[in-house]
Amino acid sequence: MRPPNHRVRTSVLTLLLGATFGCGEPAPEPTAEVPSRADVGGEVESGYRVDPFWPHPLPAGWLLGNVVGVATDSRDNVWIIHRPNSQSGAAETPPVIAFDPAGNVLQSWGGPDDGYDWGTQTHGIHVDHQDNVWVGFGGGLPYDPNARTTTDNALVLKFTPDGRFLLQIGDFGMGTEGSNSTAFLGQPTDIWVDAETNEVFISDGYSNRRIIVFDATTGEYRRHWGAYGNEPDDAPMSRFSRDASPPQQFSTPHCVIGAADGLVYVCDRGNQRIQVFQKDGTFIGESFIEADLGDGRIGGTPWDIAFSADPAQRQLLVVDGGGHAVHTLERDSLEVSESFGRRGRWAGQFESPHNLALDTRGNLYIGETLDGRRVQKFAPD
């Protein structure tokens, strides 16, 4: 792990992810090759092949809006959450949809009901160790780090796999008391549940600048922290620049996920970096994304993280929504070893990839928001 202020710059190495993840079941034929960074100036080939026929067609009358979350459960079913109100003609499509591994619709539910709030801007989905489904509600990215979008969507909900309500954290329409509130959220972005401690970690988010932790059964507040494990501060921030000193606060913490060894990883999206913590918020290290984006550009913006399928979780897969790519980082150094993808709407290309998830076979699922509005499957090659 690099020390806190060290910026990692690395050449992109030729490393096939298929060798790392082991043998997966072959993707159905025909498949399309995944565009590599060589298509836009990079130097590597991808270790994945896109399956252009996954998932199977949706039921008649269904249409996806912006896909803002993807997750897998214990049976390798794939769960997505999308925004029906973001796409004309999608109003009748359930916001939460589960697909079986073959790509058939397995379950669908979601929307307003008695007993809980249902916001207008879904954001993030997580399936925990008991296969309970957590969904979040947050707004849009404040490109100006001092701008504050609507705070109405400031809650997280927990359901059984069949959509029975279990728990609500936060309130719709209540706004936020700021990044040090123990009762209210500020447009959360992502959810991760620690099976060992039965705690839910929430990246919070578009209005707030922190990670906050609750009891996953009762919703009781546990703790929270900001960048570098310090107390978060909502004071105005300078616009991010890679030439300036590392920012001391989060700017749109967009994902949170825990590794098997107990480390917690946070996408600091607005600051183009990943920070690593112990579960109690103790800061371990950070790295700015230093990927070959083509045309001589080095950078990258982390929107979501998944761990490689090997027992040691030696690598991070990071989806870069701004760069329309996926980067592989070595977990011990946070250095980029491979990138693939390019902007486009054909199979294997990306239009604002927002989230990613891996199943136990090493298959990679990527959900796209904005003009993408789909989920794609990539099999290890």
Protein backbone atom coordinates (compact mmCIF):
# COMPACT_ATOMS: atom_id res chain seq x y z
CA MET A 1 0.00 0.00 0.00
CA ARG A 2 1.33 3.41 -0.92
CA PRO A 3 1.65 6.15 1.73
CA PRO A 4 -1.21 8.68 1.88
CA ASN A 5 0.10 11.37 -0.48
CA HIS A 6 1.92 9.16 -2.97
CA ARG A 7 0.49 9.29 -6.49
CA VAL A 8 0.89 6.01 -8.30
CA ARG A 9 1.83 6.17 -11.99
CA THR A 10 2.26 2.86 -13.74
CA SER A 11 2.46 1.53 -17.27
CA VAL A 12 -0.39 -0.72 -18.32
CA LEU A 13 0.78 -4.34 -18.28
CA THR A 14 -0.49 -7.17 -20.41
CA LEU A 15 -2.29 -9.33 -17.83
CA LEU A 16 -5.18 -11.57 -18.77
CA LEU A 17 -7.85 -11.57 -16.11
CA GLY A 18 -8.89 -15.05 -17.17
CA ALA A 19 -5.61 -16.36 -15.76
CA THR A 20 -6.31 -14.66 -12.45
CA PHE A 21 -9.91 -15.71 -12.09
CA GLY A 22 -9.41 -19.29 -13.22
CA CYS A 23 -11.58 -21.19 -15.61
CA GLY A 24 -15.18 -20.07 -15.87
CA GLU A 25 -17.91 -21.65 -17.88
CA PRO A 26 -17.56 -20.64 -21.53
CA ALA A 27 -19.85 -17.87 -22.69
CA PRO A 28 -22.55 -18.89 -25.13
CA GLU A 29 -21.58 -18.50 -28.77
CA PRO A 30 -21.54 -16.31 -30.68
CA THR A 31 -19.81 -13.70 -28.58
CA ALA A 32 -18.12 -10.43 -29.40
CA GLU A 33 -14.61 -9.46 -28.46
CA VAL A 34 -14.36 -6.78 -25.80
CA PRO A 35 -12.79 -3.58 -27.19
CA SER A 36 -9.42 -3.08 -25.54
CA ARG A 37 -7.67 0.15 -24.69
CA ALA A 38 -5.69 -0.40 -27.90
CA ASP A 39 -8.76 0.82 -29.73
CA VAL A 40 -8.28 4.23 -28.13
CA GLY A 41 -4.53 4.33 -27.70
CA GLY A 42 -3.87 1.73 -24.99
CA GLU A 43 -1.70 -1.36 -25.23
CA VAL A 44 -3.52 -4.35 -23.71
CA GLU A 45 -6.09 -6.93 -24.65
CA SER A 46 -8.93 -7.82 -22.31
CA GLY A 47 -9.37 -11.15 -20.56
CA TYR A 48 -13.15 -11.02 -21.10
CA ARG A 49 -15.66 -11.67 -23.84
CA VAL A 50 -19.04 -9.99 -23.88
CA ASP A 51 -22.14 -12.15 -24.16
CA PRO A 52 -24.39 -10.08 -26.43
CA PHE A 53 -27.42 -12.31 -25.77
CA TRP A 54 -27.46 -11.86 -21.98
CA PRO A 55 -29.92 -11.15 -20.47
CA HIS A 56 -32.84 -12.60 -22.39
CA PRO A 57 -35.46 -10.15 -23.66
CA LEU A 58 -37.54 -8.47 -20.97
CA PRO A 59 -41.29 -9.14 -20.71
CA ALA A 60 -43.51 -7.29 -23.18
CA GLY A 61 -43.94 -3.63 -22.25
CA TRP A 62 -40.83 -3.46 -20.07
CA LEU A 63 -38.05 -0.97 -20.76
CA LEU A 64 -35.02 -0.11 -18.63
CA GLY A 65 -34.20 3.38 -17.48
CA ASN A 66 -30.84 4.39 -16.06
CA VAL A 67 -29.29 1.32 -14.40
CA VAL A 68 -27.80 2.59 -11.13
CA GLY A 69 -26.94 -0.64 -9.33
CA VAL A 70 -25.97 -4.26 -9.97
CA ALA A 71 -25.25 -7.05 -7.48
CA THR A 72 -25.07 -10.86 -7.30
CA ASP A 73 -26.48 -13.18 -4.64
CA SER A 74 -25.41 -16.53 -3.18
CA ARG A 75 -26.86 -18.44 -6.15
CA ASP A 76 -25.22 -16.21 -8.76
CA ASN A 77 -28.50 -14.51 -9.59
CA VAL A 78 -27.94 -10.96 -10.84
CA TRP A 79 -29.91 -8.08 -9.31
CA ILE A 80 -30.23 -4.64 -10.84
CA ILE A 81 -31.98 -1.44 -9.87
CA HIS A 82 -32.91 1.19 -12.43
CA ARG A 83 -34.84 4.45 -12.66
CA PRO A 84 -38.11 3.97 -14.54
CA ASN A 85 -38.71 7.72 -14.41
CA SER A 86 -35.53 8.35 -16.43
CA GLN A 87 -36.84 6.74 -19.61
CA SER A 88 -40.06 7.45 -21.49
CA GLY A 89 -42.09 4.25 -21.68
CA ALA A 90 -40.42 2.60 -18.66
CA ALA A 91 -42.98 3.62 -16.05
CA GLU A 92 -44.51 0.13 -15.85
CA THR A 93 -41.15 -1.64 -15.44
CA PRO A 94 -40.41 -2.68 -11.83
CA PRO A 95 -37.34 -0.84 -10.48
CA VAL A 96 -35.78 -3.97 -8.94
CA ILE A 97 -35.22 -6.94 -11.28
CA ALA A 98 -33.39 -10.22 -10.62
CA PHE A 99 -32.08 -12.45 -13.41
CA ASP A 100 -31.03 -16.07 -13.04
CA PRO A 101 -27.54 -16.99 -14.32
CA ALA A 102 -28.98 -17.84 -17.75
CA GLY A 103 -30.45 -14.34 -18.08
CA ASN A 104 -34.13 -15.06 -17.41
CA VAL A 105 -36.17 -12.67 -15.25
CA LEU A 106 -36.45 -14.38 -11.88
CA GLN A 107 -38.10 -11.72 -9.70
CA SER A 108 -39.17 -8.11 -9.88
CA TRP A 109 -40.64 -5.66 -7.40
CA GLY A 110 -40.25 -2.21 -5.90
CA GLY A 111 -42.08 1.09 -5.67
CA PRO A 112 -44.14 2.98 -3.11
CA ASP A 113 -46.08 0.99 -0.51
CA ASP A 114 -47.36 1.29 3.03
CA GLY A 115 -44.80 1.12 5.82
CA TYR A 116 -41.82 2.73 4.13
CA ASP A 117 -40.73 5.61 1.92
CA TRP A 118 -39.80 5.05 -1.72
CA GLY A 119 -37.82 7.91 -3.20
CA THR A 120 -37.73 9.27 -6.73
CA GLN A 121 -34.02 8.67 -7.47
CA THR A 122 -32.88 5.09 -6.85
CA HIS A 123 -29.13 4.68 -6.44
CA GLY A 124 -27.31 1.48 -5.55
CA ILE A 125 -28.24 -2.12 -4.72
CA HIS A 126 -26.55 -4.71 -2.47
CA VAL A 127 -27.40 -8.32 -1.66
CA ASP A 128 -26.09 -9.32 1.77
CA HIS A 129 -24.89 -12.65 3.20
CA GLN A 130 -28.50 -13.67 3.96
CA ASP A 131 -29.61 -12.71 0.45
CA ASN A 132 -31.54 -9.72 1.76
CA VAL A 133 -31.69 -6.92 -0.80
CA TRP A 134 -30.68 -3.36 0.11
CA VAL A 135 -31.55 -0.41 -2.12
CA GLY A 136 -30.54 3.22 -1.84
CA PHE A 137 -31.85 6.58 -2.98
CA GLY A 138 -29.60 9.47 -3.98
CA GLY A 139 -29.53 12.27 -6.51
CA GLY A 140 -27.21 13.43 -9.27
CA LEU A 141 -23.55 14.29 -9.21
CA PRO A 142 -22.74 17.84 -8.01
CA TYR A 143 -19.99 18.67 -10.51
CA ASP A 144 -19.39 21.75 -8.41
CA PRO A 145 -18.28 20.18 -5.09
CA ASN A 146 -19.94 23.02 -3.20
CA ALA A 147 -23.31 22.67 -4.94
CA ARG A 148 -25.98 20.68 -3.16
CA THR A 149 -28.57 18.75 -5.10
CA THR A 150 -32.01 17.96 -3.71
CA THR A 151 -31.86 16.15 -0.39
CA ASP A 152 -35.27 14.48 -0.67
CA ASN A 153 -33.69 11.16 -1.69
CA ALA A 154 -31.82 10.36 1.51
CA LEU A 155 -32.65 6.84 2.60
CA VAL A 156 -31.72 3.16 2.39
CA LEU A 157 -34.23 0.28 2.45
CA LYS A 158 -33.80 -3.42 3.27
CA PHE A 159 -36.04 -6.14 1.80
CA THR A 160 -36.27 -9.92 1.63
CA PRO A 161 -35.52 -11.39 -1.80
CA ASP A 162 -39.24 -11.47 -2.60
CA GLY A 163 -39.63 -7.78 -1.77
CA ARG A 164 -40.97 -7.89 1.80
CA PHE A 165 -39.94 -4.73 3.66
CA LEU A 166 -37.59 -5.15 6.65
CA LEU A 167 -35.85 -1.86 7.54
CA GLN A 168 -35.59 1.81 6.62
CA ILE A 169 -32.60 4.03 7.44
CA GLY A 170 -33.09 7.76 6.80
CA ASP A 171 -36.20 9.59 5.64
CA PHE A 172 -37.47 10.83 2.30
CA GLY A 173 -37.92 14.59 2.11
CA MET A 174 -36.29 15.32 5.47
CA GLY A 175 -33.12 16.83 4.08
CA THR A 176 -29.83 16.37 5.91
CA GLU A 177 -28.30 17.72 9.09
CA GLY A 178 -24.88 17.51 7.47
CA SER A 179 -22.08 15.00 7.40
CA ASN A 180 -21.96 14.58 11.19
CA SER A 181 -25.63 13.73 11.68
CA THR A 182 -26.28 10.39 13.37
CA ALA A 183 -29.94 10.26 12.31
CA PHE A 184 -30.26 11.51 8.73
CA LEU A 185 -28.54 10.62 5.48
CA GLY A 186 -27.44 12.94 2.69
CA GLN A 187 -28.18 11.19 -0.61
CA PRO A 188 -26.47 7.82 -0.09
CA THR A 189 -24.75 6.17 -3.04
CA ASP A 190 -23.82 2.59 -2.08
CA ILE A 191 -24.33 -0.10 0.56
CA TRP A 192 -22.24 -2.98 1.92
CA VAL A 193 -23.15 -5.34 4.78
CA ASP A 194 -20.43 -6.94 6.90
CA ALA A 195 -21.50 -10.52 7.71
CA GLU A 196 -19.01 -10.73 10.57
CA THR A 197 -20.33 -7.76 12.54
CA ASN A 198 -23.86 -7.50 11.09
CA GLU A 199 -23.22 -3.86 10.27
CA VAL A 200 -24.28 -1.96 7.17
CA PHE A 201 -21.77 0.50 5.71
CA ILE A 202 -23.22 3.33 3.58
CA SER A 203 -21.33 5.77 1.36
CA ASP A 204 -23.13 9.04 1.98
CA GLY A 205 -22.94 10.54 -0.64
CA TYR A 206 -24.01 13.35 -2.94
CA SER A 207 -24.84 15.84 -0.19
CA ASN A 208 -22.71 14.44 2.64
CA ARG A 209 -19.01 13.53 2.66
CA ARG A 210 -18.66 10.38 4.72
CA ILE A 211 -19.00 6.67 5.37
CA ILE A 212 -21.64 5.90 8.00
CA VAL A 213 -22.27 2.57 9.74
CA PHE A 214 -25.47 1.18 11.32
CA ASP A 215 -26.63 -2.08 12.86
CA ALA A 216 -27.96 -4.07 9.90
CA THR A 217 -30.96 -5.42 11.84
CA THR A 218 -32.10 -2.51 14.00
CA GLY A 219 -30.73 0.47 12.07
CA GLU A 220 -29.02 1.78 15.23
CA TYR A 221 -26.20 4.25 14.51
CA ARG A 222 -22.66 2.95 15.12
CA ARG A 223 -20.05 5.40 13.75
CA HIS A 224 -19.01 7.50 10.76
CA TRP A 225 -15.89 9.03 9.26
CA GLY A 226 -14.64 11.21 6.42
CA ALA A 227 -11.54 11.17 4.21
CA TYR A 228 -8.39 9.88 5.94
CA GLY A 229 -10.63 8.66 8.77
CA ASN A 230 -11.12 12.20 10.07
CA GLU A 231 -14.30 13.99 11.05
CA PRO A 232 -16.05 15.07 7.85
CA ASP A 233 -16.37 18.78 7.10
CA ASP A 234 -19.00 20.29 4.79
CA ALA A 235 -17.14 23.57 4.28
CA PRO A 236 -16.58 24.72 0.66
CA MET A 237 -13.92 22.82 -1.27
CA SER A 238 -11.73 23.78 -4.17
CA ARG A 239 -12.45 22.13 -7.49
CA PHE A 240 -10.41 18.94 -7.79
CA SER A 241 -7.08 19.10 -9.62
CA ARG A 242 -4.46 16.38 -9.87
CA ASP A 243 -1.80 19.07 -9.67
CA ALA A 244 -2.98 20.25 -6.24
CA SER A 245 -2.44 18.69 -2.82
CA PRO A 246 -4.70 15.70 -2.10
CA PRO A 247 -8.13 16.92 -0.90
CA GLN A 248 -8.73 16.44 2.81
CA GLN A 249 -12.46 15.68 2.41
CA PHE A 250 -14.41 13.23 0.28
CA SER A 251 -16.08 14.59 -2.83
CA THR A 252 -19.02 12.33 -3.70
CA PRO A 253 -18.02 9.07 -2.00
CA HIS A 254 -19.68 6.80 -4.54
CA CYS A 255 -19.01 3.22 -3.40
CA VAL A 256 -18.07 1.23 -0.31
CA ILE A 257 -17.11 -2.45 -0.16
CA GLY A 258 -15.29 -4.69 2.29
CA ALA A 259 -12.69 -7.35 1.49
CA ALA A 260 -12.40 -10.78 3.09
CA ASP A 261 -9.34 -9.63 5.07
CA GLY A 262 -11.33 -6.87 6.79
CA LEU A 263 -10.23 -3.84 4.78
CA VAL A 264 -12.87 -1.41 3.53
CA TYR A 265 -12.50 0.33 0.16
CA VAL A 266 -14.16 3.63 -0.76
CA CYS A 267 -14.57 5.22 -4.21
CA ASP A 268 -13.91 8.93 -3.72
CA ARG A 269 -15.41 9.68 -7.11
CA GLY A 270 -15.07 13.45 -7.22
CA ASN A 271 -11.42 13.21 -6.19
CA GLN A 272 -10.57 10.36 -8.61
CA ARG A 273 -9.09 8.15 -5.91
CA ILE A 274 -9.64 5.08 -3.76
CA GLN A 275 -9.13 5.23 -0.01
CA VAL A 276 -8.69 2.16 2.21
CA PHE A 277 -9.71 1.80 5.86
CA GLN A 278 -10.10 -0.64 8.67
CA LYS A 279 -13.70 -1.29 9.67
CA ASP A 280 -13.46 1.21 12.53
CA GLY A 281 -12.51 3.99 10.11
CA THR A 282 -8.75 3.89 10.66
CA PHE A 283 -7.10 5.12 7.47
CA ILE A 284 -4.74 2.66 5.75
CA GLY A 285 -3.83 4.20 2.38
CA GLU A 286 -5.00 5.74 -0.88
CA SER A 287 -4.21 5.97 -4.56
CA PHE A 288 -5.41 8.13 -7.39
CA ILE A 289 -6.47 6.13 -10.43
CA GLU A 290 -3.60 6.21 -12.93
CA ALA A 291 -4.94 4.38 -15.99
CA ASP A 292 -4.07 4.78 -19.65
CA LEU A 293 -7.17 6.49 -21.03
CA GLY A 294 -5.79 6.76 -24.56
CA ASP A 295 -4.46 9.75 -26.49
CA GLY A 296 -1.73 10.17 -23.91
CA ARG A 297 -4.17 10.79 -21.07
CA ILE A 298 -3.55 9.26 -17.64
CA GLY A 299 -6.30 9.26 -15.02
CA GLY A 300 -9.60 7.61 -14.17
CA THR A 301 -12.65 8.12 -11.97
CA PRO A 302 -13.77 5.28 -9.66
CA TRP A 303 -17.54 4.76 -9.65
CA ASP A 304 -17.70 1.23 -8.25
CA ILE A 305 -15.42 -1.61 -7.09
CA ALA A 306 -15.55 -5.41 -7.13
CA PHE A 307 -12.95 -7.92 -5.94
CA SER A 308 -11.45 -10.62 -8.12
CA ALA A 309 -12.89 -14.11 -7.55
CA ASP A 310 -9.68 -15.74 -6.24
CA PRO A 311 -9.66 -16.47 -2.47
CA ALA A 312 -7.05 -13.80 -1.76
CA GLN A 313 -8.96 -11.17 -3.77
CA ARG A 314 -5.66 -10.03 -5.23
CA GLN A 315 -7.19 -7.53 -7.60
CA LEU A 316 -9.80 -4.78 -7.69
CA LEU A 317 -12.01 -4.24 -10.70
CA VAL A 318 -12.95 -0.57 -10.89
CA VAL A 319 -15.61 0.81 -13.20
CA ASP A 320 -14.71 4.26 -14.57
CA GLY A 321 -17.92 5.99 -15.57
CA GLY A 322 -16.16 9.09 -16.85
CA GLY A 323 -13.62 7.12 -18.88
CA HIS A 324 -16.20 4.53 -20.05
CA ALA A 325 -13.84 1.72 -19.07
CA VAL A 326 -12.98 -0.94 -16.49
CA HIS A 327 -9.61 -0.89 -14.75
CA THR A 328 -7.89 -3.73 -12.91
CA LEU A 329 -5.82 -2.68 -9.89
CA GLU A 330 -3.45 -4.86 -7.89
CA ARG A 331 -4.86 -4.76 -4.38
CA ASP A 332 -1.53 -4.70 -2.55
CA SER A 333 -0.33 -1.59 -4.39
CA LEU A 334 -3.49 -0.11 -5.97
CA GLU A 335 -1.52 0.16 -9.23
CA VAL A 336 -3.40 -0.27 -12.51
CA SER A 337 -2.38 -3.44 -14.36
CA GLU A 338 -4.99 -3.50 -17.13
CA SER A 339 -7.86 -1.48 -18.60
CA PHE A 340 -10.48 -2.33 -21.19
CA GLY A 341 -13.46 -0.67 -22.79
CA ARG A 342 -14.30 2.33 -24.90
CA ARG A 343 -17.28 4.62 -25.23
CA GLY A 344 -20.05 3.29 -27.42
CA ARG A 345 -23.39 1.54 -27.49
CA TRP A 346 -22.44 -1.73 -29.23
CA ALA A 347 -22.00 -4.94 -27.28
CA GLY A 348 -18.85 -4.74 -25.18
CA GLN A 349 -18.66 -0.96 -25.30
CA PHE A 350 -19.78 1.35 -22.48
CA GLU A 351 -21.96 4.40 -22.13
CA SER A 352 -21.53 5.73 -18.59
CA PRO A 353 -20.90 2.40 -16.80
CA HIS A 354 -22.13 2.97 -13.26
CA ASN A 355 -21.74 -0.29 -11.30
CA LEU A 356 -20.19 -3.72 -11.60
CA ALA A 357 -20.41 -7.09 -9.86
CA LEU A 358 -18.78 -10.52 -10.14
CA ASP A 359 -20.36 -13.92 -9.59
CA THR A 360 -18.60 -16.98 -8.17
CA ARG A 361 -17.55 -18.12 -11.67
CA GLY A 362 -15.78 -14.84 -12.38
CA ASN A 363 -18.44 -13.52 -14.76
CA LEU A 364 -18.52 -9.73 -14.74
CA TYR A 365 -21.77 -7.74 -14.89
CA ILE A 366 -21.79 -4.02 -15.66
CA GLY A 367 -24.79 -1.68 -15.41
CA GLU A 368 -24.89 1.53 -17.43
CA THR A 369 -26.69 4.74 -16.59
CA LEU A 370 -27.49 7.94 -18.52
CA ASP A 371 -27.70 6.97 -22.21
CA GLY A 372 -26.53 3.37 -21.60
CA ARG A 373 -29.60 2.01 -19.76
CA ARG A 374 -28.62 -1.65 -19.84
CA VAL A 375 -26.68 -4.40 -18.05
CA GLN A 376 -23.99 -6.42 -19.87
CA LYS A 377 -22.35 -9.75 -19.03
CA PHE A 378 -18.65 -10.43 -19.65
CA ALA A 379 -17.32 -13.98 -19.32
CA PRO A 380 -13.66 -14.74 -18.49
CA ASP A 381 -11.92 -15.52 -21.74
